[in-house]
Amino acid sequence: MLHKALQSEWLQKPSLENSIWYNGHTFSFLLDASQTGGAFSLLYCYFRKGGEPTAHCHRNEDETFCILEGEILFHIGDRRFIAKAGELAYGPKDVPHQFKLVTETAKALLLITPAGVETFFKEFSVPAQSLELPAVSEGQIPAHFFDHMMKRAEALGIVWMPEF
């Protein structure tokens, strides 16, 4: 049996300590850049329909989604497909992509390689109060907050693609 101190370093699961509420979703950071030497980050994502990102691409990293529950419609490059539990969707860097939930909720592991862009989620979130989905937010994002998000995204190499 592993010593308890070692177990927490090598065994990860969603917890309040590693989870955030971001744009109506719950993200748990299972591994981040500080734990992998910047090689990758791994997030456990609990998504709800609505609040999915608009079309974009990443200049610096690939995203790989391993679907655990639910169904998600992906548009990656010139391909569209529905990924279901047990399937994987790969979004390479510099390739436009977006996704929309088919089911009301979905759960996935999100692998980001190399690590770094996950800091965007942390910066524009609040600590999770539970591992469930947060209450649906009412109202619009204030313009100054939205402008800050767009500048930060640009600095991280996220390119929004409304024409996609």
N, C-alpha and C. Protein backbone atom coordinates (compact mmCIF):
# COMPACT_ATOMS: atom_id res chain seq x y z
N MET A 1 0.84 -1.19 0.00
CA MET A 1 0.00 0.00 0.00
C MET A 1 0.88 1.25 0.00
N LEU A 2 0.53 2.22 -0.82
CA LEU A 2 1.29 3.46 -0.89
C LEU A 2 1.14 4.28 0.37
N HIS A 3 2.22 4.91 0.76
CA HIS A 3 2.16 5.87 1.85
C HIS A 3 1.21 6.98 1.45
N LYS A 4 0.40 7.46 2.35
CA LYS A 4 -0.62 8.47 2.03
C LYS A 4 -0.04 9.71 1.35
N ALA A 5 1.12 10.20 1.78
CA ALA A 5 1.72 11.39 1.15
C ALA A 5 2.07 11.12 -0.31
N LEU A 6 2.58 9.95 -0.62
CA LEU A 6 2.91 9.60 -2.00
C LEU A 6 1.66 9.39 -2.84
N GLN A 7 0.64 8.83 -2.23
CA GLN A 7 -0.58 8.53 -2.97
C GLN A 7 -1.19 9.79 -3.58
N SER A 8 -1.20 10.91 -2.86
CA SER A 8 -1.80 12.11 -3.40
C SER A 8 -0.98 12.67 -4.56
N GLU A 9 0.33 12.45 -4.57
CA GLU A 9 1.17 12.94 -5.65
C GLU A 9 0.97 12.11 -6.93
N TRP A 10 0.77 10.83 -6.80
CA TRP A 10 0.70 9.94 -7.95
C TRP A 10 -0.70 9.50 -8.31
N LEU A 11 -1.65 9.74 -7.45
CA LEU A 11 -3.03 9.35 -7.70
C LEU A 11 -3.90 10.59 -7.66
N GLN A 12 -4.53 10.90 -8.78
CA GLN A 12 -5.34 12.12 -8.87
C GLN A 12 -6.78 11.77 -9.20
N LYS A 13 -7.69 12.58 -8.73
CA LYS A 13 -9.11 12.48 -9.07
C LYS A 13 -9.72 13.86 -8.89
N PRO A 14 -10.87 14.11 -9.48
CA PRO A 14 -11.52 15.41 -9.27
C PRO A 14 -11.78 15.64 -7.78
N SER A 15 -11.45 16.84 -7.33
CA SER A 15 -11.70 17.23 -5.95
C SER A 15 -11.97 18.73 -5.94
N LEU A 16 -12.47 19.24 -4.85
CA LEU A 16 -12.69 20.68 -4.75
C LEU A 16 -11.37 21.45 -4.83
N GLU A 17 -10.30 20.85 -4.38
CA GLU A 17 -9.00 21.51 -4.39
C GLU A 17 -8.45 21.71 -5.80
N ASN A 18 -8.83 20.85 -6.75
CA ASN A 18 -8.27 20.97 -8.10
C ASN A 18 -9.33 21.32 -9.15
N SER A 19 -10.49 21.80 -8.71
CA SER A 19 -11.60 22.05 -9.64
C SER A 19 -12.04 23.51 -9.68
N ILE A 20 -12.51 23.89 -10.85
CA ILE A 20 -13.01 25.25 -11.08
C ILE A 20 -14.35 25.18 -11.80
N TRP A 21 -15.07 26.27 -11.71
CA TRP A 21 -16.26 26.47 -12.54
C TRP A 21 -15.89 27.48 -13.61
N TYR A 22 -15.97 27.05 -14.86
CA TYR A 22 -15.60 27.89 -15.99
C TYR A 22 -16.72 27.91 -17.01
N ASN A 23 -17.33 29.05 -17.21
CA ASN A 23 -18.34 29.25 -18.25
C ASN A 23 -19.45 28.19 -18.21
N GLY A 24 -19.91 27.85 -17.02
CA GLY A 24 -21.01 26.90 -16.87
C GLY A 24 -20.59 25.45 -16.80
N HIS A 25 -19.29 25.18 -16.85
CA HIS A 25 -18.76 23.82 -16.82
C HIS A 25 -17.93 23.63 -15.55
N THR A 26 -17.64 22.37 -15.22
CA THR A 26 -16.75 22.06 -14.11
C THR A 26 -15.51 21.38 -14.67
N PHE A 27 -14.34 21.95 -14.40
CA PHE A 27 -13.07 21.40 -14.85
C PHE A 27 -12.24 21.03 -13.63
N SER A 28 -11.70 19.82 -13.65
CA SER A 28 -10.79 19.37 -12.59
C SER A 28 -9.42 19.15 -13.20
N PHE A 29 -8.41 19.79 -12.65
CA PHE A 29 -7.05 19.71 -13.16
C PHE A 29 -6.37 18.50 -12.53
N LEU A 30 -6.31 17.41 -13.28
CA LEU A 30 -5.71 16.18 -12.77
C LEU A 30 -4.19 16.26 -12.79
N LEU A 31 -3.64 16.84 -13.87
CA LEU A 31 -2.21 17.10 -13.99
C LEU A 31 -2.04 18.43 -14.70
N ASP A 32 -1.10 19.24 -14.24
CA ASP A 32 -0.86 20.51 -14.92
C ASP A 32 0.62 20.65 -15.25
N ALA A 33 0.98 21.77 -15.84
CA ALA A 33 2.35 21.98 -16.30
C ALA A 33 3.37 21.80 -15.19
N SER A 34 3.03 22.21 -13.97
CA SER A 34 3.99 22.11 -12.87
C SER A 34 4.29 20.66 -12.51
N GLN A 35 3.37 19.76 -12.81
CA GLN A 35 3.56 18.34 -12.48
C GLN A 35 4.18 17.54 -13.62
N THR A 36 4.13 18.09 -14.85
CA THR A 36 4.60 17.34 -16.02
C THR A 36 5.78 18.01 -16.71
N GLY A 37 6.37 19.00 -16.05
CA GLY A 37 7.47 19.72 -16.67
C GLY A 37 7.04 20.46 -17.93
N GLY A 38 5.75 20.82 -18.01
CA GLY A 38 5.22 21.54 -19.15
C GLY A 38 4.86 20.66 -20.33
N ALA A 39 5.07 19.36 -20.22
CA ALA A 39 4.81 18.45 -21.34
C ALA A 39 3.34 18.39 -21.72
N PHE A 40 2.46 18.34 -20.72
CA PHE A 40 1.03 18.25 -20.99
C PHE A 40 0.25 18.61 -19.75
N SER A 41 -1.04 18.83 -19.94
CA SER A 41 -1.97 18.95 -18.82
C SER A 41 -3.15 18.04 -19.13
N LEU A 42 -3.78 17.53 -18.09
CA LEU A 42 -4.91 16.62 -18.23
C LEU A 42 -6.04 17.12 -17.34
N LEU A 43 -7.18 17.40 -17.97
CA LEU A 43 -8.34 17.91 -17.25
C LEU A 43 -9.50 16.93 -17.37
N TYR A 44 -10.23 16.79 -16.28
CA TYR A 44 -11.49 16.06 -16.28
C TYR A 44 -12.56 17.13 -16.45
N CYS A 45 -13.31 17.06 -17.54
CA CYS A 45 -14.29 18.10 -17.88
C CYS A 45 -15.71 17.57 -17.76
N TYR A 46 -16.52 18.31 -17.06
CA TYR A 46 -17.96 18.03 -16.95
C TYR A 46 -18.64 19.20 -17.65
N PHE A 47 -19.12 18.94 -18.87
CA PHE A 47 -19.70 19.97 -19.71
C PHE A 47 -21.22 19.98 -19.62
N ARG A 48 -21.81 21.15 -19.88
CA ARG A 48 -23.25 21.27 -20.06
C ARG A 48 -23.48 21.93 -21.41
N LYS A 49 -24.61 21.59 -22.01
CA LYS A 49 -24.97 22.20 -23.29
C LYS A 49 -25.08 23.71 -23.10
N GLY A 50 -24.56 24.44 -24.06
CA GLY A 50 -24.48 25.90 -23.95
C GLY A 50 -23.13 26.26 -23.33
N GLY A 51 -22.59 27.36 -23.73
CA GLY A 51 -21.31 27.77 -23.17
C GLY A 51 -20.11 27.11 -23.82
N GLU A 52 -20.32 26.30 -24.87
CA GLU A 52 -19.19 25.72 -25.57
C GLU A 52 -18.46 26.82 -26.32
N PRO A 53 -17.18 26.62 -26.60
CA PRO A 53 -16.40 27.69 -27.24
C PRO A 53 -16.81 27.89 -28.70
N THR A 54 -16.65 29.12 -29.18
CA THR A 54 -16.84 29.37 -30.60
C THR A 54 -15.63 28.80 -31.34
N ALA A 55 -15.72 28.74 -32.65
CA ALA A 55 -14.64 28.18 -33.45
C ALA A 55 -13.34 28.92 -33.18
N HIS A 56 -12.27 28.15 -33.08
CA HIS A 56 -10.96 28.71 -32.79
C HIS A 56 -9.88 27.71 -33.18
N CYS A 57 -8.65 28.15 -33.12
CA CYS A 57 -7.54 27.22 -33.24
C CYS A 57 -6.46 27.64 -32.24
N HIS A 58 -5.59 26.71 -31.96
CA HIS A 58 -4.49 26.96 -31.03
C HIS A 58 -3.20 26.98 -31.83
N ARG A 59 -2.39 27.98 -31.64
CA ARG A 59 -1.11 28.09 -32.34
C ARG A 59 -0.01 27.24 -31.69
N ASN A 60 -0.22 26.87 -30.42
CA ASN A 60 0.87 26.23 -29.67
C ASN A 60 0.61 24.81 -29.19
N GLU A 61 -0.63 24.34 -29.18
CA GLU A 61 -0.89 23.05 -28.57
C GLU A 61 -1.99 22.27 -29.30
N ASP A 62 -1.94 20.95 -29.10
CA ASP A 62 -2.98 20.04 -29.57
C ASP A 62 -3.95 19.81 -28.42
N GLU A 63 -5.20 19.50 -28.77
CA GLU A 63 -6.20 19.11 -27.77
C GLU A 63 -6.76 17.75 -28.17
N THR A 64 -6.82 16.86 -27.20
CA THR A 64 -7.39 15.53 -27.42
C THR A 64 -8.47 15.30 -26.37
N PHE A 65 -9.67 14.98 -26.85
CA PHE A 65 -10.82 14.73 -25.97
C PHE A 65 -11.12 13.24 -25.97
N CYS A 66 -11.12 12.64 -24.81
CA CYS A 66 -11.56 11.25 -24.65
C CYS A 66 -12.93 11.31 -23.98
N ILE A 67 -13.96 10.95 -24.71
CA ILE A 67 -15.34 11.08 -24.21
C ILE A 67 -15.63 9.96 -23.21
N LEU A 68 -16.11 10.34 -22.04
CA LEU A 68 -16.45 9.39 -20.98
C LEU A 68 -17.95 9.15 -20.89
N GLU A 69 -18.73 10.22 -21.07
CA GLU A 69 -20.20 10.13 -21.01
C GLU A 69 -20.76 11.16 -21.98
N GLY A 70 -21.92 10.85 -22.56
CA GLY A 70 -22.60 11.79 -23.42
C GLY A 70 -22.10 11.74 -24.85
N GLU A 71 -22.56 12.71 -25.64
CA GLU A 71 -22.19 12.80 -27.05
C GLU A 71 -21.87 14.25 -27.39
N ILE A 72 -20.80 14.43 -28.15
CA ILE A 72 -20.34 15.77 -28.53
C ILE A 72 -20.13 15.81 -30.03
N LEU A 73 -20.71 16.82 -30.69
CA LEU A 73 -20.50 17.06 -32.11
C LEU A 73 -19.25 17.91 -32.25
N PHE A 74 -18.25 17.37 -32.96
CA PHE A 74 -17.01 18.09 -33.22
C PHE A 74 -16.96 18.55 -34.66
N HIS A 75 -16.39 19.70 -34.88
CA HIS A 75 -16.08 20.22 -36.21
C HIS A 75 -14.59 20.56 -36.13
N ILE A 76 -13.77 19.72 -36.74
CA ILE A 76 -12.32 19.87 -36.70
C ILE A 76 -11.83 19.90 -38.15
N GLY A 77 -11.24 21.03 -38.54
CA GLY A 77 -10.84 21.18 -39.93
C GLY A 77 -12.06 21.10 -40.83
N ASP A 78 -12.01 20.22 -41.82
CA ASP A 78 -13.16 20.08 -42.73
C ASP A 78 -14.03 18.88 -42.37
N ARG A 79 -13.87 18.33 -41.18
CA ARG A 79 -14.64 17.15 -40.78
C ARG A 79 -15.59 17.46 -39.63
N ARG A 80 -16.74 16.82 -39.70
CA ARG A 80 -17.74 16.89 -38.62
C ARG A 80 -18.07 15.46 -38.20
N PHE A 81 -18.15 15.24 -36.91
CA PHE A 81 -18.49 13.90 -36.42
C PHE A 81 -18.99 14.01 -34.99
N ILE A 82 -19.74 13.01 -34.57
CA ILE A 82 -20.21 12.91 -33.19
C ILE A 82 -19.35 11.90 -32.47
N ALA A 83 -18.75 12.31 -31.39
CA ALA A 83 -17.96 11.42 -30.55
C ALA A 83 -18.80 11.00 -29.35
N LYS A 84 -18.78 9.71 -29.07
CA LYS A 84 -19.56 9.12 -27.97
C LYS A 84 -18.61 8.52 -26.94
N ALA A 85 -19.18 8.09 -25.82
CA ALA A 85 -18.38 7.49 -24.76
C ALA A 85 -17.47 6.41 -25.32
N GLY A 86 -16.21 6.49 -24.93
CA GLY A 86 -15.22 5.53 -25.39
C GLY A 86 -14.49 5.96 -26.65
N GLU A 87 -14.89 7.09 -27.24
CA GLU A 87 -14.26 7.56 -28.47
C GLU A 87 -13.40 8.79 -28.18
N LEU A 88 -12.52 9.07 -29.12
CA LEU A 88 -11.54 10.13 -28.95
C LEU A 88 -11.61 11.09 -30.12
N ALA A 89 -11.52 12.39 -29.83
CA ALA A 89 -11.47 13.43 -30.86
C ALA A 89 -10.17 14.19 -30.69
N TYR A 90 -9.46 14.36 -31.79
CA TYR A 90 -8.14 14.99 -31.77
C TYR A 90 -8.18 16.29 -32.55
N GLY A 91 -7.79 17.39 -31.91
CA GLY A 91 -7.71 18.70 -32.54
C GLY A 91 -6.27 19.18 -32.57
N PRO A 92 -5.56 18.97 -33.70
CA PRO A 92 -4.17 19.41 -33.77
C PRO A 92 -4.03 20.93 -33.79
N LYS A 93 -2.87 21.41 -33.36
CA LYS A 93 -2.64 22.85 -33.37
C LYS A 93 -2.75 23.37 -34.80
N ASP A 94 -3.15 24.63 -34.91
CA ASP A 94 -3.32 25.33 -36.18
C ASP A 94 -4.47 24.82 -37.04
N VAL A 95 -5.30 23.92 -36.51
CA VAL A 95 -6.47 23.44 -37.24
C VAL A 95 -7.72 23.99 -36.55
N PRO A 96 -8.56 24.74 -37.25
CA PRO A 96 -9.77 25.28 -36.64
C PRO A 96 -10.66 24.16 -36.09
N HIS A 97 -11.27 24.43 -34.95
CA HIS A 97 -12.18 23.44 -34.37
C HIS A 97 -13.18 24.10 -33.44
N GLN A 98 -14.25 23.38 -33.22
CA GLN A 98 -15.23 23.74 -32.21
C GLN A 98 -16.04 22.50 -31.89
N PHE A 99 -16.79 22.57 -30.80
CA PHE A 99 -17.64 21.44 -30.46
C PHE A 99 -18.92 21.94 -29.82
N LYS A 100 -19.96 21.13 -29.96
CA LYS A 100 -21.27 21.40 -29.36
C LYS A 100 -21.78 20.10 -28.75
N LEU A 101 -22.34 20.19 -27.56
CA LEU A 101 -22.91 19.00 -26.95
C LEU A 101 -24.17 18.59 -27.69
N VAL A 102 -24.30 17.29 -27.91
CA VAL A 102 -25.53 16.70 -28.45
C VAL A 102 -26.45 16.37 -27.29
N THR A 103 -25.89 15.79 -26.24
CA THR A 103 -26.63 15.48 -25.03
C THR A 103 -26.60 16.71 -24.11
N GLU A 104 -27.45 16.73 -23.11
CA GLU A 104 -27.52 17.88 -22.21
C GLU A 104 -26.22 18.08 -21.44
N THR A 105 -25.55 16.99 -21.09
CA THR A 105 -24.27 17.05 -20.41
C THR A 105 -23.33 16.02 -21.04
N ALA A 106 -22.06 16.18 -20.79
CA ALA A 106 -21.05 15.22 -21.23
C ALA A 106 -19.86 15.33 -20.30
N LYS A 107 -19.12 14.23 -20.23
CA LYS A 107 -17.87 14.22 -19.45
C LYS A 107 -16.76 13.73 -20.36
N ALA A 108 -15.58 14.33 -20.20
CA ALA A 108 -14.45 13.96 -21.05
C ALA A 108 -13.15 14.23 -20.31
N LEU A 109 -12.13 13.51 -20.71
CA LEU A 109 -10.77 13.86 -20.33
C LEU A 109 -10.22 14.72 -21.45
N LEU A 110 -9.61 15.83 -21.12
CA LEU A 110 -9.01 16.73 -22.10
C LEU A 110 -7.51 16.76 -21.88
N LEU A 111 -6.78 16.27 -22.89
CA LEU A 111 -5.32 16.27 -22.86
C LEU A 111 -4.83 17.44 -23.70
N ILE A 112 -4.05 18.31 -23.10
CA ILE A 112 -3.49 19.48 -23.79
C ILE A 112 -1.98 19.30 -23.86
N THR A 113 -1.45 19.28 -25.10
CA THR A 113 -0.01 19.08 -25.28
C THR A 113 0.57 20.12 -26.22
N PRO A 114 1.62 20.82 -25.80
CA PRO A 114 2.15 20.87 -24.45
C PRO A 114 1.22 21.67 -23.53
N ALA A 115 1.51 21.65 -22.26
CA ALA A 115 0.71 22.39 -21.28
C ALA A 115 0.90 23.88 -21.46
N GLY A 116 -0.04 24.65 -20.93
CA GLY A 116 0.08 26.10 -20.92
C GLY A 116 -1.23 26.82 -21.09
N VAL A 117 -1.99 26.45 -22.11
CA VAL A 117 -3.22 27.18 -22.40
C VAL A 117 -4.29 26.96 -21.33
N GLU A 118 -4.15 25.91 -20.53
CA GLU A 118 -5.14 25.66 -19.46
C GLU A 118 -5.14 26.79 -18.44
N THR A 119 -4.10 27.61 -18.41
CA THR A 119 -4.09 28.76 -17.51
C THR A 119 -5.22 29.73 -17.84
N PHE A 120 -5.66 29.74 -19.09
CA PHE A 120 -6.78 30.59 -19.50
C PHE A 120 -8.03 30.20 -18.71
N PHE A 121 -8.30 28.90 -18.60
CA PHE A 121 -9.47 28.44 -17.84
C PHE A 121 -9.38 28.88 -16.39
N LYS A 122 -8.20 28.72 -15.81
CA LYS A 122 -8.03 29.09 -14.40
C LYS A 122 -8.23 30.60 -14.19
N GLU A 123 -7.70 31.38 -15.13
CA GLU A 123 -7.76 32.83 -14.99
C GLU A 123 -9.19 33.38 -15.05
N PHE A 124 -10.05 32.74 -15.83
CA PHE A 124 -11.40 33.25 -16.05
C PHE A 124 -12.45 32.33 -15.44
N SER A 125 -12.19 31.86 -14.24
CA SER A 125 -13.08 30.94 -13.56
C SER A 125 -13.20 31.33 -12.09
N VAL A 126 -13.98 30.56 -11.37
CA VAL A 126 -14.04 30.67 -9.92
C VAL A 126 -13.81 29.27 -9.34
N PRO A 127 -13.30 29.18 -8.12
CA PRO A 127 -13.14 27.85 -7.52
C PRO A 127 -14.48 27.13 -7.46
N ALA A 128 -14.48 25.86 -7.79
CA ALA A 128 -15.72 25.07 -7.73
C ALA A 128 -16.20 24.96 -6.29
N GLN A 129 -17.49 25.09 -6.11
CA GLN A 129 -18.09 24.92 -4.78
C GLN A 129 -18.59 23.50 -4.58
N SER A 130 -18.68 22.74 -5.69
CA SER A 130 -19.01 21.32 -5.68
C SER A 130 -18.48 20.74 -6.98
N LEU A 131 -18.53 19.43 -7.12
CA LEU A 131 -18.08 18.80 -8.36
C LEU A 131 -19.22 18.67 -9.37
N GLU A 132 -20.36 19.21 -9.01
CA GLU A 132 -21.50 19.25 -9.94
C GLU A 132 -21.35 20.47 -10.84
N LEU A 133 -22.25 20.62 -11.78
CA LEU A 133 -22.23 21.79 -12.64
C LEU A 133 -22.70 23.01 -11.86
N PRO A 134 -22.12 24.17 -12.15
CA PRO A 134 -22.57 25.38 -11.46
C PRO A 134 -23.95 25.82 -11.96
N ALA A 135 -24.56 26.69 -11.21
CA ALA A 135 -25.83 27.27 -11.65
C ALA A 135 -25.59 28.02 -12.96
N VAL A 136 -26.60 28.06 -13.80
CA VAL A 136 -26.50 28.77 -15.06
C VAL A 136 -26.47 30.26 -14.78
N SER A 137 -25.47 30.93 -15.34
CA SER A 137 -25.30 32.36 -15.13
C SER A 137 -26.31 33.14 -15.97
N GLU A 138 -26.84 34.18 -15.39
CA GLU A 138 -27.76 35.06 -16.10
C GLU A 138 -27.01 36.32 -16.51
N GLY A 139 -27.34 36.85 -17.65
CA GLY A 139 -26.74 38.12 -18.07
C GLY A 139 -25.53 37.95 -18.95
N GLN A 140 -25.01 39.07 -19.37
CA GLN A 140 -23.88 39.12 -20.29
C GLN A 140 -22.58 39.35 -19.53
N ILE A 141 -21.50 38.93 -20.15
CA ILE A 141 -20.17 39.20 -19.61
C ILE A 141 -19.90 40.69 -19.79
N PRO A 142 -19.46 41.39 -18.76
CA PRO A 142 -19.14 42.81 -18.91
C PRO A 142 -18.09 43.02 -20.00
N ALA A 143 -18.21 44.10 -20.76
CA ALA A 143 -17.33 44.36 -21.90
C ALA A 143 -15.85 44.38 -21.50
N HIS A 144 -15.51 45.00 -20.37
CA HIS A 144 -14.10 45.07 -19.96
C HIS A 144 -13.54 43.68 -19.66
N PHE A 145 -14.36 42.80 -19.09
CA PHE A 145 -13.94 41.44 -18.78
C PHE A 145 -13.75 40.65 -20.08
N PHE A 146 -14.69 40.81 -21.01
CA PHE A 146 -14.60 40.15 -22.31
C PHE A 146 -13.35 40.61 -23.06
N ASP A 147 -13.07 41.90 -23.06
CA ASP A 147 -11.88 42.43 -23.72
C ASP A 147 -10.60 41.83 -23.11
N HIS A 148 -10.59 41.72 -21.80
CA HIS A 148 -9.43 41.12 -21.13
C HIS A 148 -9.28 39.65 -21.54
N MET A 149 -10.40 38.93 -21.64
CA MET A 149 -10.35 37.53 -22.07
C MET A 149 -9.76 37.42 -23.48
N MET A 150 -10.19 38.29 -24.38
CA MET A 150 -9.73 38.22 -25.76
C MET A 150 -8.23 38.54 -25.86
N LYS A 151 -7.76 39.51 -25.09
CA LYS A 151 -6.34 39.84 -25.09
C LYS A 151 -5.51 38.69 -24.52
N ARG A 152 -6.01 38.08 -23.48
CA ARG A 152 -5.30 36.95 -22.86
C ARG A 152 -5.27 35.76 -23.82
N ALA A 153 -6.38 35.50 -24.49
CA ALA A 153 -6.44 34.41 -25.47
C ALA A 153 -5.40 34.64 -26.57
N GLU A 154 -5.35 35.85 -27.07
CA GLU A 154 -4.38 36.18 -28.13
C GLU A 154 -2.95 35.94 -27.64
N ALA A 155 -2.65 36.34 -26.41
CA ALA A 155 -1.31 36.15 -25.87
C ALA A 155 -0.96 34.66 -25.74
N LEU A 156 -1.96 33.82 -25.54
CA LEU A 156 -1.74 32.38 -25.41
C LEU A 156 -1.79 31.65 -26.75
N GLY A 157 -2.01 32.39 -27.84
CA GLY A 157 -2.03 31.76 -29.16
C GLY A 157 -3.37 31.16 -29.55
N ILE A 158 -4.44 31.61 -28.90
CA ILE A 158 -5.79 31.17 -29.29
C ILE A 158 -6.30 32.16 -30.31
N VAL A 159 -6.71 31.65 -31.46
CA VAL A 159 -7.21 32.50 -32.54
C VAL A 159 -8.69 32.18 -32.73
N TRP A 160 -9.57 33.16 -32.56
CA TRP A 160 -11.00 32.98 -32.76
C TRP A 160 -11.30 33.04 -34.24
N MET A 161 -12.20 32.19 -34.71
CA MET A 161 -12.46 32.05 -36.13
C MET A 161 -13.97 32.10 -36.40
N PRO A 162 -14.56 33.29 -36.34
CA PRO A 162 -16.02 33.39 -36.52
C PRO A 162 -16.48 32.94 -37.89
N GLU A 163 -15.58 32.94 -38.90
CA GLU A 163 -15.97 32.56 -40.25
C GLU A 163 -15.93 31.05 -40.46
N PHE A 164 -15.49 30.28 -39.49
CA PHE A 164 -15.32 28.83 -39.62
C PHE A 164 -16.65 28.13 -39.78
